Protein backbone atom coordinates (compact mmCIF):
# COMPACT_ATOMS: atom_id res chain seq x y z
CA MET A 1 87.20 98.12 126.18
CA LEU A 2 86.51 96.31 122.92
CA ASN A 3 85.11 92.81 122.98
CA LEU A 4 87.27 90.99 120.42
CA GLU A 5 84.78 88.14 120.23
CA LEU A 6 82.35 90.60 118.62
CA VAL A 7 84.74 92.90 116.76
CA ILE A 8 86.64 90.28 114.76
CA PRO A 9 83.53 88.56 113.29
CA ALA A 10 82.05 91.99 112.50
CA LEU A 11 85.23 93.00 110.65
CA LEU A 12 85.26 89.74 108.70
CA ILE A 13 81.62 90.19 107.69
CA GLY A 14 82.37 93.78 106.67
CA PHE A 15 85.30 92.75 104.47
CA PHE A 16 83.18 90.00 102.88
CA LEU A 17 80.35 92.43 102.09
CA ILE A 18 82.75 94.98 100.58
CA HIS A 19 84.28 92.23 98.43
CA GLN A 20 80.82 91.12 97.26
CA MET A 21 79.87 94.69 96.36
CA ARG A 22 83.04 95.04 94.30
CA LEU A 23 82.15 91.86 92.39
CA ARG A 24 78.65 93.12 91.62
CA ARG A 25 79.70 96.40 90.03
CA PRO A 26 80.88 96.47 86.43
CA LYS A 27 84.46 97.70 86.03
CA THR A 28 83.63 99.23 82.64
CA PRO A 29 81.05 102.03 82.91
CA LEU A 30 77.54 100.70 82.34
CA THR A 31 76.89 103.37 79.70
CA GLU A 32 79.80 102.04 77.64
CA ILE A 33 78.68 98.42 78.06
CA ARG A 34 75.13 99.33 77.00
CA ARG A 35 76.44 101.18 73.95
CA LEU A 36 78.58 98.23 72.87
CA VAL A 37 75.68 95.80 73.28
CA ASN A 38 72.97 98.02 71.79
CA ASP A 39 75.13 98.83 68.75
CA GLU A 40 75.73 95.07 68.35
CA ARG A 41 79.47 95.63 68.53
CA ALA A 42 79.89 93.26 71.48
CA SER A 43 79.00 89.64 72.14
CA LEU A 44 76.87 89.39 75.29
CA ILE A 45 77.62 86.16 77.16
CA ASP A 46 75.57 84.89 80.11
CA VAL A 47 77.76 82.48 82.09
CA ARG A 48 74.96 81.27 84.37
CA SER A 49 73.55 77.74 84.17
CA GLN A 50 71.01 76.83 81.49
CA GLY A 51 68.33 76.70 84.17
CA GLU A 52 69.10 80.23 85.35
CA PHE A 53 69.22 81.46 81.75
CA SER A 54 65.80 79.94 81.01
CA LEU A 55 64.29 81.96 83.86
CA GLY A 56 65.28 85.22 82.19
CA SER A 57 68.23 86.89 80.54
CA ILE A 58 69.33 90.12 78.91
CA PRO A 59 67.89 90.27 75.38
CA GLY A 60 70.44 89.27 72.77
CA SER A 61 72.65 87.35 75.18
CA ARG A 62 74.06 83.90 74.49
CA ASN A 63 74.17 81.30 77.27
CA VAL A 64 77.57 79.70 77.79
CA PRO A 65 77.69 78.30 81.34
CA LEU A 66 81.01 78.99 83.05
CA GLN A 67 82.03 75.33 83.11
CA GLN A 68 81.53 75.15 79.32
CA LEU A 69 83.37 78.39 78.58
CA PRO A 70 86.85 76.87 78.02
CA SER A 71 85.57 74.62 75.23
CA ALA A 72 83.44 77.39 73.66
CA VAL A 73 86.22 79.99 73.48
CA SER A 74 87.37 78.82 70.04
CA LYS A 75 83.98 79.88 68.60
CA PHE A 76 84.25 83.50 69.84
CA ASP A 77 85.28 86.33 67.53
CA ARG A 78 88.56 87.67 68.93
CA ASN A 79 88.05 90.97 67.10
CA LYS A 80 84.71 91.69 68.78
CA PRO A 81 84.36 92.94 72.38
CA ILE A 82 82.83 90.48 74.83
CA VAL A 83 80.56 91.36 77.75
CA VAL A 84 80.04 88.68 80.39
CA TYR A 85 77.50 88.56 83.21
CA CYS A 86 76.02 86.15 85.74
CA GLN A 87 73.75 86.20 88.80
CA SER A 88 75.99 87.86 91.38
CA GLY A 89 79.18 88.84 89.57
CA ALA A 90 81.42 86.05 90.87
CA ARG A 91 81.20 83.77 87.82
CA SER A 92 81.42 86.66 85.35
CA SER A 93 84.57 87.88 87.10
CA HIS A 94 86.08 84.41 86.72
CA ALA A 95 84.94 84.24 83.08
CA ALA A 96 86.46 87.64 82.27
CA LYS A 97 89.79 86.60 83.79
CA MET A 98 89.70 83.33 81.87
CA LEU A 99 89.00 85.07 78.55
CA ARG A 100 91.78 87.63 79.13
CA SER A 101 94.22 84.84 79.98
CA ARG A 102 93.37 83.25 76.62
CA GLY A 103 94.26 86.37 74.69
CA PHE A 104 90.95 88.23 74.42
CA GLN A 105 91.67 91.94 74.69
CA ALA A 106 88.26 93.64 74.87
CA VAL A 107 86.51 91.80 77.72
CA HIS A 108 83.99 93.67 79.86
CA ASP A 109 82.52 92.27 83.06
CA LEU A 110 78.97 93.53 83.63
CA GLY A 111 78.90 91.59 86.90
CA ALA A 112 75.41 90.79 88.17
CA ILE A 113 72.51 90.63 85.72
CA SER A 114 70.76 93.17 87.95
CA ASN A 115 73.32 95.78 86.86
CA TRP A 116 71.63 95.86 83.45
CA SER A 117 68.32 97.21 84.75
């Protein structure tokens, strides 16, 4: 017989881990994201804090912390693809949704910075 006191927490942890893994993976293939960035066709936006950015970033990226993104949107080129990333993928997912809701069409979520390497 199953011990529900053990099964339910294990299921909840499993669902949480699956959700976190989905956030970490880019939805656009990494090869396409790399091509856009390397060809300088896309703006690469790091939505982590300034402190996190100062510890290391993807070369060529611009730091726009997530909380500052709404006020910075007016300075973005709407005709150029945008790639967003952060530490774990949670903030970049939020940033991508925000940009799409404001009319940006070509938004790519790299997810976690570790996806780049």
